[in-house]
């Protein structure tokens, strides 16, 4: 298993649009990405504009393609 954790800061009023883009990617692109296992998007309670993403792949080779 291999993956990455990333942080994003949404511009004011754009958080919902970012969440929708992630949902769309999960539905439409994820099934075609070889080695992709799962993706998650988190919103910390204390940080209003911060989003934390996690992408998990089968192995390093799949991640780097």
N, C-alpha and C. Protein backbone atom coordinates (compact mmCIF):
# COMPACT_ATOMS: atom_id res chain seq x y z
N UNK A 1 0.84 -1.16 0.00
CA UNK A 1 0.00 0.00 0.00
C UNK A 1 0.90 1.24 0.00
N UNK A 2 0.44 2.26 -0.72
CA UNK A 2 1.22 3.49 -0.84
C UNK A 2 0.23 4.64 -1.01
N UNK A 3 0.58 5.82 -0.55
CA UNK A 3 -0.34 6.94 -0.71
C UNK A 3 0.27 8.25 -0.31
N UNK A 4 -0.60 9.22 -0.18
CA UNK A 4 -0.18 10.56 0.18
C UNK A 4 -1.26 11.23 1.02
N UNK A 5 -0.84 12.18 1.84
CA UNK A 5 -1.74 13.02 2.61
C UNK A 5 -1.45 14.45 2.18
N UNK A 6 -2.49 15.22 1.90
CA UNK A 6 -2.26 16.59 1.44
C UNK A 6 -3.25 17.54 2.11
N UNK A 7 -2.80 18.79 2.25
CA UNK A 7 -3.61 19.85 2.87
C UNK A 7 -3.98 20.86 1.80
N UNK A 8 -5.18 21.39 1.92
CA UNK A 8 -5.64 22.45 1.01
C UNK A 8 -6.31 23.53 1.85
N UNK A 9 -6.23 24.75 1.38
CA UNK A 9 -6.95 25.85 1.99
C UNK A 9 -7.93 26.37 0.95
N UNK A 10 -9.21 26.22 1.23
CA UNK A 10 -10.25 26.65 0.30
C UNK A 10 -10.43 28.16 0.38
N UNK A 11 -10.61 28.76 -0.78
CA UNK A 11 -10.96 30.18 -0.80
C UNK A 11 -12.36 30.32 -0.21
N UNK A 12 -12.65 31.48 0.34
CA UNK A 12 -13.98 31.68 0.93
C UNK A 12 -15.09 31.33 -0.07
N UNK A 13 -16.03 30.51 0.39
CA UNK A 13 -17.16 30.12 -0.44
C UNK A 13 -16.90 28.99 -1.41
N UNK A 14 -15.69 28.44 -1.45
CA UNK A 14 -15.35 27.41 -2.43
C UNK A 14 -15.25 26.00 -1.86
N UNK A 15 -15.43 25.84 -0.57
CA UNK A 15 -15.26 24.52 0.05
C UNK A 15 -16.22 23.48 -0.56
N UNK A 16 -17.48 23.84 -0.72
CA UNK A 16 -18.45 22.89 -1.27
C UNK A 16 -18.08 22.50 -2.70
N UNK A 17 -17.60 23.43 -3.50
CA UNK A 17 -17.20 23.13 -4.87
C UNK A 17 -16.04 22.14 -4.89
N UNK A 18 -15.10 22.29 -3.97
CA UNK A 18 -13.97 21.35 -3.87
C UNK A 18 -14.48 19.97 -3.51
N UNK A 19 -15.38 19.90 -2.55
CA UNK A 19 -15.95 18.60 -2.15
C UNK A 19 -16.67 17.94 -3.32
N UNK A 20 -17.40 18.71 -4.10
CA UNK A 20 -18.10 18.17 -5.26
C UNK A 20 -17.12 17.66 -6.31
N UNK A 21 -16.02 18.37 -6.52
CA UNK A 21 -15.00 17.90 -7.47
C UNK A 21 -14.41 16.57 -7.03
N UNK A 22 -14.16 16.42 -5.74
CA UNK A 22 -13.63 15.15 -5.23
C UNK A 22 -14.64 14.02 -5.41
N UNK A 23 -15.92 14.29 -5.16
CA UNK A 23 -16.96 13.28 -5.35
C UNK A 23 -17.06 12.89 -6.82
N UNK A 24 -17.00 13.87 -7.71
CA UNK A 24 -17.05 13.61 -9.15
C UNK A 24 -15.85 12.77 -9.59
N UNK A 25 -14.66 13.11 -9.11
CA UNK A 25 -13.46 12.34 -9.46
C UNK A 25 -13.60 10.90 -8.98
N UNK A 26 -14.13 10.73 -7.78
CA UNK A 26 -14.30 9.39 -7.22
C UNK A 26 -15.26 8.55 -8.06
N UNK A 27 -16.31 9.16 -8.56
CA UNK A 27 -17.29 8.44 -9.39
C UNK A 27 -16.78 8.16 -10.80
N UNK A 28 -16.18 9.17 -11.43
CA UNK A 28 -15.88 9.09 -12.85
C UNK A 28 -14.47 8.65 -13.20
N UNK A 29 -13.48 9.09 -12.46
CA UNK A 29 -12.10 8.77 -12.82
C UNK A 29 -11.50 7.64 -12.02
N UNK A 30 -11.80 7.59 -10.73
CA UNK A 30 -11.19 6.58 -9.86
C UNK A 30 -11.32 5.15 -10.40
N UNK A 31 -12.48 4.76 -10.94
CA UNK A 31 -12.58 3.39 -11.45
C UNK A 31 -11.61 3.07 -12.59
N UNK A 32 -11.12 4.09 -13.27
CA UNK A 32 -10.21 3.88 -14.41
C UNK A 32 -8.74 4.04 -14.04
N UNK A 33 -8.44 4.44 -12.82
CA UNK A 33 -7.06 4.65 -12.39
C UNK A 33 -6.53 3.35 -11.81
N UNK A 34 -5.63 2.74 -12.54
CA UNK A 34 -5.08 1.45 -12.13
C UNK A 34 -4.34 1.57 -10.80
N UNK A 35 -4.69 0.72 -9.85
CA UNK A 35 -4.02 0.70 -8.56
C UNK A 35 -4.62 1.61 -7.51
N UNK A 36 -5.57 2.47 -7.90
CA UNK A 36 -6.20 3.35 -6.92
C UNK A 36 -7.07 2.52 -5.98
N UNK A 37 -6.91 2.71 -4.68
CA UNK A 37 -7.66 1.95 -3.68
C UNK A 37 -8.76 2.78 -3.02
N UNK A 38 -8.42 3.99 -2.60
CA UNK A 38 -9.40 4.82 -1.89
C UNK A 38 -8.92 6.25 -1.80
N UNK A 39 -9.86 7.15 -1.61
CA UNK A 39 -9.55 8.54 -1.38
C UNK A 39 -10.49 9.10 -0.33
N UNK A 40 -9.97 10.00 0.49
CA UNK A 40 -10.77 10.57 1.57
C UNK A 40 -10.50 12.07 1.64
N UNK A 41 -11.52 12.81 2.02
CA UNK A 41 -11.39 14.24 2.22
C UNK A 41 -11.95 14.57 3.60
N UNK A 42 -11.13 15.20 4.43
CA UNK A 42 -11.51 15.52 5.80
C UNK A 42 -11.53 17.02 6.01
N UNK A 43 -12.42 17.46 6.90
CA UNK A 43 -12.47 18.87 7.29
C UNK A 43 -12.26 18.94 8.80
N UNK A 44 -11.11 19.46 9.23
CA UNK A 44 -10.85 19.58 10.67
C UNK A 44 -11.87 20.52 11.34
N UNK A 45 -12.24 20.20 12.56
CA UNK A 45 -13.21 21.02 13.29
C UNK A 45 -12.70 22.43 13.57
N UNK A 46 -11.42 22.58 13.83
CA UNK A 46 -10.89 23.85 14.28
C UNK A 46 -10.38 24.77 13.16
N UNK A 47 -10.25 24.26 11.95
CA UNK A 47 -9.70 25.06 10.84
C UNK A 47 -10.80 25.28 9.80
N UNK A 48 -11.32 26.48 9.73
CA UNK A 48 -12.48 26.75 8.89
C UNK A 48 -12.23 26.53 7.41
N UNK A 49 -11.07 26.90 6.91
CA UNK A 49 -10.84 26.84 5.47
C UNK A 49 -9.95 25.67 5.05
N UNK A 50 -9.54 24.83 5.98
CA UNK A 50 -8.60 23.75 5.66
C UNK A 50 -9.33 22.46 5.32
N UNK A 51 -8.81 21.76 4.33
CA UNK A 51 -9.27 20.42 3.97
C UNK A 51 -8.04 19.52 3.92
N UNK A 52 -8.19 18.29 4.37
CA UNK A 52 -7.10 17.33 4.34
C UNK A 52 -7.54 16.16 3.47
N UNK A 53 -6.73 15.84 2.48
CA UNK A 53 -7.03 14.74 1.58
C UNK A 53 -6.06 13.59 1.77
N UNK A 54 -6.55 12.39 1.52
CA UNK A 54 -5.74 11.18 1.58
C UNK A 54 -6.03 10.38 0.32
N UNK A 55 -4.98 9.96 -0.38
CA UNK A 55 -5.12 9.11 -1.56
C UNK A 55 -4.30 7.84 -1.32
N UNK A 56 -4.93 6.69 -1.53
CA UNK A 56 -4.28 5.41 -1.26
C UNK A 56 -4.24 4.58 -2.55
N UNK A 57 -3.06 4.06 -2.84
CA UNK A 57 -2.85 3.24 -4.02
C UNK A 57 -2.31 1.87 -3.63
N UNK A 58 -2.43 0.93 -4.53
CA UNK A 58 -1.99 -0.44 -4.28
C UNK A 58 -0.50 -0.49 -3.94
N UNK A 59 0.31 0.28 -4.69
CA UNK A 59 1.76 0.27 -4.50
C UNK A 59 2.36 1.56 -5.05
N UNK A 60 3.63 1.73 -4.82
CA UNK A 60 4.32 2.96 -5.25
C UNK A 60 4.27 3.14 -6.77
N UNK A 61 4.41 2.06 -7.50
CA UNK A 61 4.39 2.14 -8.96
C UNK A 61 3.05 2.68 -9.46
N UNK A 62 1.96 2.19 -8.88
CA UNK A 62 0.63 2.68 -9.27
C UNK A 62 0.47 4.16 -8.93
N UNK A 63 0.97 4.56 -7.80
CA UNK A 63 0.88 5.95 -7.36
C UNK A 63 1.63 6.88 -8.31
N UNK A 64 2.76 6.46 -8.79
CA UNK A 64 3.63 7.33 -9.59
C UNK A 64 3.25 7.37 -11.07
N UNK A 65 2.29 6.59 -11.51
CA UNK A 65 1.87 6.61 -12.93
C UNK A 65 1.08 7.84 -13.24
